Amino acid sequence: MTKRKKVWLILSLLMVPLIGGGFQWLRWWWNYGYSRGTRTGVLRKLSIKGSPLCKFVSGELALAGQGPGQTQDIWQFTLDDTNESNPLFVKLRTAERGAKPVTIDYRQDRGNTAKASQMFCPKTGEDAPPEYYATGVQ
């Protein structure tokens, strides 16, 4: 094998991971922060769940219906940081115990592409983290 062929072989082997990594970065950039907004309701649940490879905060906010007799919608969200000493986690835990209406600022990341640690998480189903991330509490 000539020196020129060896160089082309090495370059082609290096290009495959670079192209794949570039595609993943572009996908993350496209889906990160797809939408932003606020939701108001009563915090029903806040817990940390998942396997050791896929830990995430699971939160449920009960959104009240506008008129009498309407059912409550449940909005599920998660946090970027699963540490219980996270200031946002502490505020949400306090709001959960108070059982009073709170307004949560959120960011939606389509396709659960926000965290590299969630690449081991299932993408759909009960054990998948939601695509909404709480970013603040009012």
C-alpha atoms as a PDB file:
ATOM      1  CA  MET A   1       0.000   0.000   0.000  1.00  0.00           C
ATOM      2  CA  THR A   2       1.387   3.360  -0.962  1.00  0.00           C
ATOM      3  CA  LYS A   3       1.798   6.262   1.416  1.00  0.00           C
ATOM      4  CA  ARG A   4      -0.932   8.212  -0.383  1.00  0.00           C
ATOM      5  CA  LYS A   5      -3.474   5.405   0.068  1.00  0.00           C
ATOM      6  CA  LYS A   6      -2.627   5.124   3.769  1.00  0.00           C
ATOM      7  CA  VAL A   7      -3.209   8.864   4.238  1.00  0.00           C
ATOM      8  CA  TRP A   8      -6.592   8.660   2.486  1.00  0.00           C
ATOM      9  CA  LEU A   9      -7.575   5.631   4.573  1.00  0.00           C
ATOM     10  CA  ILE A  10      -6.700   7.409   7.826  1.00  0.00           C
ATOM     11  CA  LEU A  11      -8.501  10.592   6.762  1.00  0.00           C
ATOM     12  CA  SER A  12     -11.613   8.678   5.741  1.00  0.00           C
ATOM     13  CA  LEU A  13     -11.655   6.828   9.076  1.00  0.00           C
ATOM     14  CA  LEU A  14     -11.418  10.161  10.914  1.00  0.00           C
ATOM     15  CA  MET A  15     -14.148  11.797   8.846  1.00  0.00           C
ATOM     16  CA  VAL A  16     -16.873   9.309   9.805  1.00  0.00           C
ATOM     17  CA  PRO A  17     -16.920  10.247  13.539  1.00  0.00           C
ATOM     18  CA  LEU A  18     -16.497  13.949  12.714  1.00  0.00           C
ATOM     19  CA  ILE A  19     -19.477  13.934  10.368  1.00  0.00           C
ATOM     20  CA  GLY A  20     -21.541  11.914  12.874  1.00  0.00           C
ATOM     21  CA  GLY A  21     -20.599  14.243  15.728  1.00  0.00           C
ATOM     22  CA  GLY A  22     -21.378  17.287  13.601  1.00  0.00           C
ATOM     23  CA  PHE A  23     -24.800  15.879  12.767  1.00  0.00           C
ATOM     24  CA  GLN A  24     -25.560  15.216  16.455  1.00  0.00           C
ATOM     25  CA  TRP A  25     -24.470  18.729  17.408  1.00  0.00           C
ATOM     26  CA  LEU A  26     -26.666  20.224  14.658  1.00  0.00           C
ATOM     27  CA  ARG A  27     -29.626  18.126  15.834  1.00  0.00           C
ATOM     28  CA  TRP A  28     -29.103  19.286  19.446  1.00  0.00           C
ATOM     29  CA  TRP A  29     -28.786  22.936  18.357  1.00  0.00           C
ATOM     30  CA  TRP A  30     -31.959  22.712  16.268  1.00  0.00           C
ATOM     31  CA  ASN A  31     -34.114  21.184  19.057  1.00  0.00           C
ATOM     32  CA  TYR A  32     -32.711  22.973  22.139  1.00  0.00           C
ATOM     33  CA  GLY A  33     -35.048  25.700  23.363  1.00  0.00           C
ATOM     34  CA  TYR A  34     -37.705  24.943  20.730  1.00  0.00           C
ATOM     35  CA  SER A  35     -40.228  26.936  22.740  1.00  0.00           C
ATOM     36  CA  ARG A  36     -40.354  28.888  26.002  1.00  0.00           C
ATOM     37  CA  GLY A  37     -43.260  29.940  28.183  1.00  0.00           C
ATOM     38  CA  THR A  38     -44.995  29.738  31.546  1.00  0.00           C
ATOM     39  CA  ARG A  39     -47.553  27.419  33.105  1.00  0.00           C
ATOM     40  CA  THR A  40     -49.624  28.087  36.212  1.00  0.00           C
ATOM     41  CA  GLY A  41     -51.169  25.469  38.460  1.00  0.00           C
ATOM     42  CA  VAL A  42     -50.755  23.482  41.641  1.00  0.00           C
ATOM     43  CA  LEU A  43     -47.653  21.320  41.941  1.00  0.00           C
ATOM     44  CA  ARG A  44     -48.803  17.742  42.611  1.00  0.00           C
ATOM     45  CA  LYS A  45     -45.616  15.728  42.491  1.00  0.00           C
ATOM     46  CA  LEU A  46     -41.866  16.219  42.502  1.00  0.00           C
ATOM     47  CA  SER A  47     -39.569  13.194  42.556  1.00  0.00           C
ATOM     48  CA  ILE A  48     -36.279  11.870  41.213  1.00  0.00           C
ATOM     49  CA  LYS A  49     -36.711   8.703  39.213  1.00  0.00           C
ATOM     50  CA  GLY A  50     -35.024   6.498  36.660  1.00  0.00           C
ATOM     51  CA  SER A  51     -32.261   3.937  36.426  1.00  0.00           C
ATOM     52  CA  PRO A  52     -28.665   4.755  37.453  1.00  0.00           C
ATOM     53  CA  LEU A  53     -27.873   5.634  33.828  1.00  0.00           C
ATOM     54  CA  CYS A  54     -30.990   7.778  33.402  1.00  0.00           C
ATOM     55  CA  LYS A  55     -31.822   9.865  36.498  1.00  0.00           C
ATOM     56  CA  PHE A  56     -34.212  12.775  36.073  1.00  0.00           C
ATOM     57  CA  VAL A  57     -36.602  14.905  38.117  1.00  0.00           C
ATOM     58  CA  SER A  58     -40.246  14.123  37.464  1.00  0.00           C
ATOM     59  CA  GLY A  59     -42.701  16.910  38.242  1.00  0.00           C
ATOM     60  CA  GLU A  60     -46.440  17.204  37.705  1.00  0.00           C
ATOM     61  CA  LEU A  61     -48.363  20.462  37.654  1.00  0.00           C
ATOM     62  CA  ALA A  62     -52.167  20.290  37.809  1.00  0.00           C
ATOM     63  CA  LEU A  63     -53.544  22.954  35.476  1.00  0.00           C
ATOM     64  CA  ALA A  64     -56.986  24.095  36.567  1.00  0.00           C
ATOM     65  CA  GLY A  65     -59.795  24.220  34.009  1.00  0.00           C
ATOM     66  CA  GLN A  66     -61.304  27.587  33.115  1.00  0.00           C
ATOM     67  CA  GLY A  67     -64.925  26.809  33.954  1.00  0.00           C
ATOM     68  CA  PRO A  68     -66.852  24.833  36.542  1.00  0.00           C
ATOM     69  CA  GLY A  69     -66.902  21.080  35.999  1.00  0.00           C
ATOM     70  CA  GLN A  70     -63.852  20.993  33.760  1.00  0.00           C
ATOM     71  CA  THR A  71     -61.208  18.413  34.449  1.00  0.00           C
ATOM     72  CA  GLN A  72     -57.642  19.271  35.382  1.00  0.00           C
ATOM     73  CA  ASP A  73     -54.918  18.743  32.840  1.00  0.00           C
ATOM     74  CA  ILE A  74     -51.619  17.348  34.128  1.00  0.00           C
ATOM     75  CA  TRP A  75     -48.448  18.929  32.748  1.00  0.00           C
ATOM     76  CA  GLN A  76     -45.233  16.958  33.234  1.00  0.00           C
ATOM     77  CA  PHE A  77     -41.808  18.567  33.401  1.00  0.00           C
ATOM     78  CA  THR A  78     -38.251  17.906  34.505  1.00  0.00           C
ATOM     79  CA  LEU A  79     -35.169  19.903  35.561  1.00  0.00           C
ATOM     80  CA  ASP A  80     -31.708  20.190  34.047  1.00  0.00           C
ATOM     81  CA  ASP A  81     -30.084  19.339  37.399  1.00  0.00           C
ATOM     82  CA  THR A  82     -31.193  16.322  39.464  1.00  0.00           C
ATOM     83  CA  ASN A  83     -29.362  17.440  42.618  1.00  0.00           C
ATOM     84  CA  GLU A  84     -31.724  17.961  45.568  1.00  0.00           C
ATOM     85  CA  SER A  85     -29.715  20.993  46.723  1.00  0.00           C
ATOM     86  CA  ASN A  86     -30.422  22.773  43.417  1.00  0.00           C
ATOM     87  CA  PRO A  87     -32.132  26.111  44.327  1.00  0.00           C
ATOM     88  CA  LEU A  88     -34.904  25.515  41.757  1.00  0.00           C
ATOM     89  CA  PHE A  89     -35.570  22.033  43.181  1.00  0.00           C
ATOM     90  CA  VAL A  90     -35.790  23.512  46.693  1.00  0.00           C
ATOM     91  CA  LYS A  91     -38.282  26.199  45.541  1.00  0.00           C
ATOM     92  CA  LEU A  92     -40.407  23.606  43.773  1.00  0.00           C
ATOM     93  CA  ARG A  93     -40.356  21.323  46.824  1.00  0.00           C
ATOM     94  CA  THR A  94     -41.563  24.250  48.976  1.00  0.00           C
ATOM     95  CA  ALA A  95     -44.322  25.025  46.464  1.00  0.00           C
ATOM     96  CA  GLU A  96     -45.385  21.374  46.466  1.00  0.00           C
ATOM     97  CA  ARG A  97     -45.726  21.353  50.245  1.00  0.00           C
ATOM     98  CA  GLY A  98     -47.679  24.628  50.234  1.00  0.00           C
ATOM     99  CA  ALA A  99     -50.228  23.308  47.685  1.00  0.00           C
ATOM    100  CA  LYS A 100     -50.771  26.834  46.342  1.00  0.00           C
ATOM    101  CA  PRO A 101     -50.798  27.885  42.678  1.00  0.00           C
ATOM    102  CA  VAL A 102     -47.360  28.610  41.215  1.00  0.00           C
ATOM    103  CA  THR A 103     -46.158  29.831  37.843  1.00  0.00           C
ATOM    104  CA  ILE A 104     -43.321  27.839  36.307  1.00  0.00           C
ATOM    105  CA  ASP A 105     -41.099  29.199  33.547  1.00  0.00           C
ATOM    106  CA  TYR A 106     -40.160  26.443  31.130  1.00  0.00           C
ATOM    107  CA  ARG A 107     -38.155  25.537  28.039  1.00  0.00           C
ATOM    108  CA  GLN A 108     -39.192  22.829  25.600  1.00  0.00           C
ATOM    109  CA  ASP A 109     -36.453  20.722  24.013  1.00  0.00           C
ATOM    110  CA  ARG A 110     -37.899  18.561  21.269  1.00  0.00           C
ATOM    111  CA  GLY A 111     -36.680  14.991  21.135  1.00  0.00           C
ATOM    112  CA  ASN A 112     -35.088  15.014  24.625  1.00  0.00           C
ATOM    113  CA  THR A 113     -31.779  16.149  23.170  1.00  0.00           C
ATOM    114  CA  ALA A 114     -30.864  18.640  25.892  1.00  0.00           C
ATOM    115  CA  LYS A 115     -28.681  16.477  28.130  1.00  0.00           C
ATOM    116  CA  ALA A 116     -25.935  14.137  27.069  1.00  0.00           C
ATOM    117  CA  SER A 117     -26.601  12.022  30.177  1.00  0.00           C
ATOM    118  CA  GLN A 118     -30.091  11.294  28.859  1.00  0.00           C
ATOM    119  CA  MET A 119     -28.825   9.434  25.815  1.00  0.00           C
ATOM    120  CA  PHE A 120     -29.339   6.226  27.832  1.00  0.00           C
ATOM    121  CA  CYS A 121     -32.973   7.143  28.575  1.00  0.00           C
ATOM    122  CA  PRO A 122     -35.898   5.726  26.621  1.00  0.00           C
ATOM    123  CA  LYS A 123     -37.340   8.287  24.199  1.00  0.00           C
ATOM    124  CA  THR A 124     -41.002   7.395  24.700  1.00  0.00           C
ATOM    125  CA  GLY A 125     -43.159   5.781  27.336  1.00  0.00           C
ATOM    126  CA  GLU A 126     -43.632   6.056  31.079  1.00  0.00           C
ATOM    127  CA  ASP A 127     -39.907   5.980  31.914  1.00  0.00           C
ATOM    128  CA  ALA A 128     -38.894   8.672  29.420  1.00  0.00           C
ATOM    129  CA  PRO A 129     -38.145  12.162  30.750  1.00  0.00           C
ATOM    130  CA  PRO A 130     -40.523  14.835  29.446  1.00  0.00           C
ATOM    131  CA  GLU A 131     -39.320  17.389  26.909  1.00  0.00           C
ATOM    132  CA  TYR A 132     -40.299  20.332  29.137  1.00  0.00           C
ATOM    133  CA  TYR A 133     -37.615  21.716  31.489  1.00  0.00           C
ATOM    134  CA  ALA A 134     -38.514  24.048  34.363  1.00  0.00           C
ATOM    135  CA  THR A 135     -36.182  27.053  34.375  1.00  0.00           C
ATOM    136  CA  GLY A 136     -37.725  29.184  37.121  1.00  0.00           C
ATOM    137  CA  VAL A 137     -40.555  29.567  39.633  1.00  0.00           C
ATOM    138  CA  GLN A 138     -42.580  32.710  40.281  1.00  0.00           C
END
